[in-house]
């Protein structure tokens, strides 16, 4: 009887690990599928022939000129890696995380994937994307069990805002993009409007006393249909600026997020690497 119990327990453990292995493989396939589509966009979408400093508003012109330095060459893709921490709820426990993101420069598109350590031996996989105007947010326990996932038309707006909040990591986009426009507010703030065909998002950019971009805040935080918070990032703040390849980039990003189920999340990203792929090359997941 004891032997049978041991065999039964061993079998259950083996099945559990098999489910985890299969789920991890399927999750990886899901991420790689969106990355494949993103590579096609990067490969075929035409880049602007040159990068120029926007003349207005003055706060934006001053920031872009400082952030770009002498860089005036458009790139196909921005790839960044990060560490950091994240918590669910305003008083939740902080958890470590690490991940990477890929952002197209010719058109608004990105793929982001991170692993969050819940407790030793238990993890969460987060995967957000906006590719070919299709958007999604995914959060799975141990890569297998969905916790808070959504792929809806409403996600397009929050994903466009997410794209906008990462432009300080590739400021060349602010001097070359035909789909990001600005309106002056005052000497320390401007409104950014990002468009992708019939989808448009507005955000307030604020600049500090040194002219550096300090934050992006969404202009639409609740849905006009039901008054509920719109899922996705709604505020991002930037700090710890450093010279990376001649560009001035923020090495710390703090974002406030609403999950599809309405839960509040705060994420602190510690940027560890930023790379730019030249036109004609493809963004690829790289080993550490």
Protein backbone atom coordinates (compact mmCIF):
# COMPACT_ATOMS: atom_id res chain seq x y z
CA UNK A 1 0.00 0.00 0.00
CA UNK A 2 2.83 2.41 0.86
CA UNK A 3 4.53 1.55 -2.42
CA UNK A 4 1.35 2.36 -4.31
CA UNK A 5 1.03 5.70 -2.49
CA UNK A 6 4.61 6.62 -3.34
CA UNK A 7 4.04 5.70 -6.97
CA UNK A 8 0.83 7.77 -7.05
CA UNK A 9 2.54 10.82 -5.55
CA UNK A 10 5.48 10.46 -7.93
CA UNK A 11 3.10 10.20 -10.86
CA UNK A 12 1.22 13.34 -9.79
CA UNK A 13 4.50 15.25 -9.45
CA UNK A 14 5.64 14.05 -12.88
CA UNK A 15 2.32 15.10 -14.47
CA UNK A 16 2.51 18.50 -12.78
CA UNK A 17 6.00 19.17 -14.11
CA UNK A 18 4.95 17.93 -17.54
CA UNK A 19 2.05 20.42 -17.54
CA UNK A 20 4.44 23.21 -16.52
CA UNK A 21 6.92 22.25 -19.26
CA UNK A 22 4.22 22.10 -21.93
CA UNK A 23 2.65 25.35 -20.72
CA UNK A 24 6.00 27.11 -20.75
CA UNK A 25 6.58 25.92 -24.29
CA UNK A 26 3.16 27.15 -25.42
CA UNK A 27 3.70 30.52 -23.73
CA UNK A 28 7.06 30.87 -25.48
CA UNK A 29 5.42 30.05 -28.82
CA UNK A 30 2.81 32.77 -28.17
CA UNK A 31 5.53 35.37 -27.49
CA UNK A 32 7.64 34.28 -30.46
CA UNK A 33 4.65 34.44 -32.79
CA UNK A 34 4.10 38.13 -32.03
CA UNK A 35 7.85 38.74 -32.30
CA UNK A 36 7.81 37.14 -35.76
CA UNK A 37 5.07 39.52 -36.88
CA UNK A 38 6.99 42.43 -35.36
CA UNK A 39 10.14 41.46 -37.29
CA UNK A 40 8.16 41.51 -40.54
CA UNK A 41 6.95 45.03 -39.74
CA UNK A 42 10.48 46.17 -38.93
CA UNK A 43 11.81 44.59 -42.10
CA UNK A 44 9.24 46.01 -44.53
CA UNK A 45 7.91 49.26 -43.02
CA UNK A 46 9.76 52.25 -44.55
CA UNK A 47 11.81 54.36 -42.18
CA UNK A 48 11.98 58.17 -42.44
CA UNK A 49 15.02 59.24 -44.48
CA UNK A 50 16.32 61.55 -41.74
CA UNK A 51 15.79 62.71 -38.18
CA UNK A 52 15.09 66.36 -37.45
CA UNK A 53 14.44 68.23 -34.21
CA UNK A 54 10.79 69.36 -33.88
CA UNK A 55 10.58 73.15 -33.77
CA UNK A 56 7.47 73.36 -31.59
CA UNK A 57 6.58 73.18 -28.77
CA UNK A 58 9.75 74.66 -27.33
CA UNK A 59 9.78 72.24 -24.35
CA UNK A 60 9.72 69.26 -26.73
CA UNK A 61 12.33 70.77 -29.07
CA UNK A 62 14.66 71.45 -26.13
CA UNK A 63 14.25 67.92 -24.75
CA UNK A 64 14.69 66.09 -28.08
CA UNK A 65 17.76 68.15 -28.99
CA UNK A 66 19.37 67.30 -25.64
CA UNK A 67 18.34 63.61 -25.67
CA UNK A 68 19.56 62.93 -29.23
CA UNK A 69 22.86 64.80 -29.09
CA UNK A 70 24.49 64.33 -32.51
CA UNK A 71 22.48 61.20 -33.38
CA UNK A 72 20.44 61.70 -36.54
CA UNK A 73 20.29 58.16 -37.97
CA UNK A 74 16.93 56.33 -37.89
CA UNK A 75 16.98 52.77 -36.57
CA UNK A 76 14.61 49.92 -37.26
CA UNK A 77 14.05 48.65 -33.73
CA UNK A 78 14.77 49.44 -30.09
CA UNK A 79 15.46 46.50 -27.77
CA UNK A 80 15.78 46.96 -24.02
CA UNK A 81 16.27 44.70 -21.02
CA UNK A 82 15.31 45.47 -17.47
CA UNK A 83 15.26 44.26 -13.91
CA UNK A 84 13.13 45.87 -11.23
CA UNK A 85 10.16 45.08 -9.06
CA UNK A 86 6.37 45.08 -9.22
CA UNK A 87 3.46 44.97 -6.80
CA UNK A 88 -0.26 44.35 -7.14
CA UNK A 89 -2.42 46.77 -5.15
CA UNK A 90 -1.25 50.01 -3.57
CA UNK A 91 -0.10 48.17 -0.43
CA UNK A 92 0.90 44.88 -2.05
CA UNK A 93 4.16 43.05 -1.57
CA UNK A 94 7.00 43.96 -3.91
CA UNK A 95 8.18 41.13 -6.19
CA UNK A 96 11.31 40.99 -8.33
CA UNK A 97 11.00 40.89 -12.10
CA UNK A 98 13.15 40.81 -15.23
CA UNK A 99 12.23 41.10 -18.86
CA UNK A 100 12.78 42.67 -22.25
CA UNK A 101 10.91 44.71 -24.83
CA UNK A 102 11.11 45.26 -28.59
CA UNK A 103 9.74 48.44 -30.17
CA UNK A 104 9.37 49.23 -33.86
CA UNK A 105 10.28 52.76 -34.94
CA UNK A 106 8.68 52.97 -38.40
CA UNK A 107 5.17 52.27 -37.05
CA UNK A 108 3.82 51.94 -33.48
CA UNK A 109 4.31 48.30 -32.50
CA UNK A 110 5.94 46.45 -29.59
CA UNK A 111 6.32 43.16 -27.76
CA UNK A 112 7.16 42.99 -24.03
CA UNK A 113 7.71 39.89 -21.89
CA UNK A 114 8.77 39.59 -18.24
CA UNK A 115 9.06 36.95 -15.54
CA UNK A 116 7.95 37.89 -12.02
CA UNK A 117 9.11 35.92 -8.97
CA UNK A 118 6.06 35.43 -6.77
CA UNK A 119 7.83 33.18 -4.25
CA UNK A 120 10.81 30.86 -4.78
CA UNK A 121 9.65 28.14 -7.17
CA UNK A 122 6.49 30.04 -8.17
CA UNK A 123 6.46 32.67 -10.87
CA UNK A 124 4.24 34.81 -13.08
CA UNK A 125 4.71 35.38 -16.80
CA UNK A 126 3.62 38.76 -18.16
CA UNK A 127 3.30 39.39 -21.89
CA UNK A 128 1.96 42.54 -23.55
CA UNK A 129 1.94 43.34 -27.25
CA UNK A 130 0.70 45.75 -29.89
CA UNK A 131 1.40 44.38 -33.36
CA UNK A 132 -0.44 45.17 -36.60
CA UNK A 133 -3.04 47.08 -34.55
CA UNK A 134 -3.85 44.01 -32.45
CA UNK A 135 -3.27 44.36 -28.70
CA UNK A 136 -3.18 42.08 -25.70
CA UNK A 137 -2.22 41.86 -22.01
CA UNK A 138 -1.46 38.44 -20.55
CA UNK A 139 -0.59 37.35 -17.02
CA UNK A 140 -0.14 33.61 -16.37
CA UNK A 141 0.84 31.69 -13.25
CA UNK A 142 3.81 29.40 -13.97
CA UNK A 143 3.30 30.16 -17.69
CA UNK A 144 0.21 27.89 -17.67
CA UNK A 145 -2.72 29.22 -15.67
CA UNK A 146 -4.29 32.48 -16.96
CA UNK A 147 -4.84 35.07 -14.23
CA UNK A 148 -5.76 38.32 -15.99
CA UNK A 149 -5.71 38.25 -19.79
CA UNK A 150 -7.39 40.40 -22.43
CA UNK A 151 -7.23 40.84 -26.20
CA UNK A 152 -9.86 43.47 -27.00
CA UNK A 153 -10.26 46.51 -29.22
CA UNK A 154 -10.20 48.70 -26.09
CA UNK A 155 -6.65 47.50 -25.42
CA UNK A 156 -5.43 49.30 -28.55
CA UNK A 157 -5.62 52.70 -26.89
CA UNK A 158 -3.79 51.65 -23.74
CA UNK A 159 -1.17 49.87 -25.85
CA UNK A 160 -0.57 53.00 -27.91
CA UNK A 161 -0.07 54.90 -24.65
CA UNK A 162 2.36 52.18 -23.53
CA UNK A 163 4.31 52.69 -26.76
CA UNK A 164 4.37 56.46 -26.19
CA UNK A 165 5.71 56.05 -22.64
CA UNK A 166 8.73 54.14 -23.92
CA UNK A 167 9.79 56.77 -26.47
CA UNK A 168 12.30 58.32 -23.99
CA UNK A 169 14.27 55.07 -24.52
CA UNK A 170 14.48 55.80 -28.26
CA UNK A 171 14.17 59.60 -28.60
CA UNK A 172 14.98 59.34 -32.32
CA UNK A 173 11.27 58.54 -32.77
CA UNK A 174 10.35 62.02 -31.51
CA UNK A 175 12.41 63.58 -34.28
CA UNK A 176 11.25 61.29 -37.07
CA UNK A 177 7.74 60.02 -36.41
CA UNK A 178 4.83 61.07 -38.63
CA UNK A 179 2.36 59.53 -36.15
CA UNK A 180 3.28 61.53 -33.00
CA UNK A 181 2.21 65.17 -32.83
CA UNK A 182 2.51 67.81 -30.11
CA UNK A 183 0.50 70.72 -28.76
CA UNK A 184 1.94 73.32 -26.43
CA UNK A 185 0.55 73.70 -22.89
CA UNK A 186 3.21 75.80 -21.16
CA UNK A 187 6.99 75.98 -20.68
CA UNK A 188 7.07 72.70 -18.73
CA UNK A 189 4.29 70.65 -20.33
CA UNK A 190 3.00 69.61 -23.74
CA UNK A 191 0.27 67.35 -25.06
CA UNK A 192 1.36 64.37 -27.17
CA UNK A 193 -1.06 62.82 -29.67
CA UNK A 194 -0.18 59.43 -31.14
CA UNK A 195 -2.24 58.06 -34.04
CA UNK A 196 -2.45 54.66 -35.68
CA UNK A 197 -5.10 54.86 -38.39
CA UNK A 198 -8.46 55.18 -36.57
CA UNK A 199 -6.99 54.88 -33.06
CA UNK A 200 -5.71 57.99 -31.29
CA UNK A 201 -4.37 58.57 -27.77
CA UNK A 202 -3.51 61.80 -25.97
CA UNK A 203 -1.11 62.20 -23.06
CA UNK A 204 0.42 65.04 -21.07
CA UNK A 205 4.23 65.15 -21.06
CA UNK A 206 5.86 67.11 -18.24
CA UNK A 207 9.46 68.35 -18.26
CA UNK A 208 11.71 69.15 -15.30
CA UNK A 209 13.75 72.30 -14.69
CA UNK A 210 16.64 70.87 -16.75
CA UNK A 211 14.42 70.21 -19.76
CA UNK A 212 14.34 66.43 -19.32
CA UNK A 213 11.05 64.62 -19.76
CA UNK A 214 9.73 63.84 -16.30
CA UNK A 215 6.50 61.94 -16.93
CA UNK A 216 3.71 60.91 -19.28
CA UNK A 217 0.15 60.85 -18.01
CA UNK A 218 -2.81 59.53 -19.99
CA UNK A 219 -5.56 62.04 -20.77
CA UNK A 220 -8.21 59.30 -20.68
CA UNK A 221 -8.10 57.12 -17.59
CA UNK A 222 -11.71 55.90 -17.55
CA UNK A 223 -13.97 54.43 -20.22
CA UNK A 224 -16.81 56.70 -21.39
CA UNK A 225 -18.96 53.59 -21.79
CA UNK A 226 -18.94 52.38 -18.18
CA UNK A 227 -16.78 54.82 -16.20
CA UNK A 228 -14.34 52.04 -15.23
CA UNK A 229 -10.55 52.52 -15.37
CA UNK A 230 -9.12 51.75 -18.82
CA UNK A 231 -6.76 48.74 -18.67
CA UNK A 232 -3.08 49.41 -19.33
CA UNK A 233 -0.46 51.96 -18.31
CA UNK A 234 -1.83 55.34 -17.33
CA UNK A 235 1.23 57.09 -15.83
CA UNK A 236 4.99 56.67 -16.34
CA UNK A 237 7.79 58.64 -14.66
CA UNK A 238 11.46 58.78 -15.73
CA UNK A 239 14.69 59.28 -13.76
CA UNK A 240 18.39 58.30 -13.49
CA UNK A 241 19.45 59.61 -16.89
CA UNK A 242 22.59 58.23 -18.56
CA UNK A 243 24.49 58.52 -21.83
CA UNK A 244 23.84 55.42 -23.99
CA UNK A 245 25.48 55.48 -27.41
CA UNK A 246 25.44 59.28 -27.43
CA UNK A 247 21.75 59.51 -26.45
CA UNK A 248 20.46 60.60 -23.04
CA UNK A 249 18.12 57.87 -21.78
CA UNK A 250 16.30 57.23 -18.47
CA UNK A 251 17.57 54.17 -16.61
CA UNK A 252 14.62 54.11 -14.19
CA UNK A 253 10.96 54.05 -15.24
CA UNK A 254 8.06 53.83 -12.79
CA UNK A 255 4.66 52.96 -14.25
CA UNK A 256 1.19 52.76 -12.80
CA UNK A 257 -0.99 50.18 -14.54
CA UNK A 258 -4.58 48.92 -14.49
CA UNK A 259 -5.00 45.23 -15.32
CA UNK A 260 -7.94 44.04 -17.47
CA UNK A 261 -9.76 42.94 -14.29
CA UNK A 262 -9.43 46.43 -12.77
CA UNK A 263 -6.55 45.72 -10.36
CA UNK A 264 -3.98 48.48 -9.73
CA UNK A 265 -0.31 47.65 -10.37
CA UNK A 266 2.88 49.62 -9.79
CA UNK A 267 6.02 48.57 -11.69
CA UNK A 268 9.54 49.93 -11.29
CA UNK A 269 11.80 49.13 -14.27
CA UNK A 270 15.58 49.28 -13.87
CA UNK A 271 16.92 49.47 -17.43
CA UNK A 272 20.03 47.33 -17.86
CA UNK A 273 20.55 47.43 -21.63
CA UNK A 274 19.31 49.42 -24.61
CA UNK A 275 20.20 48.49 -28.19
CA UNK A 276 19.23 49.91 -31.57
CA UNK A 277 19.06 47.83 -34.73
CA UNK A 278 19.98 49.60 -37.94
CA UNK A 279 17.62 49.56 -40.93
CA UNK A 280 17.56 46.16 -42.61
CA UNK A 281 18.31 44.18 -39.44
CA UNK A 282 15.76 42.40 -37.29
CA UNK A 283 15.06 42.61 -33.57
CA UNK A 284 15.76 39.23 -32.01
CA UNK A 285 15.61 37.78 -28.53
CA UNK A 286 19.18 37.52 -27.31
CA UNK A 287 20.79 35.36 -24.67
CA UNK A 288 22.10 37.26 -21.62
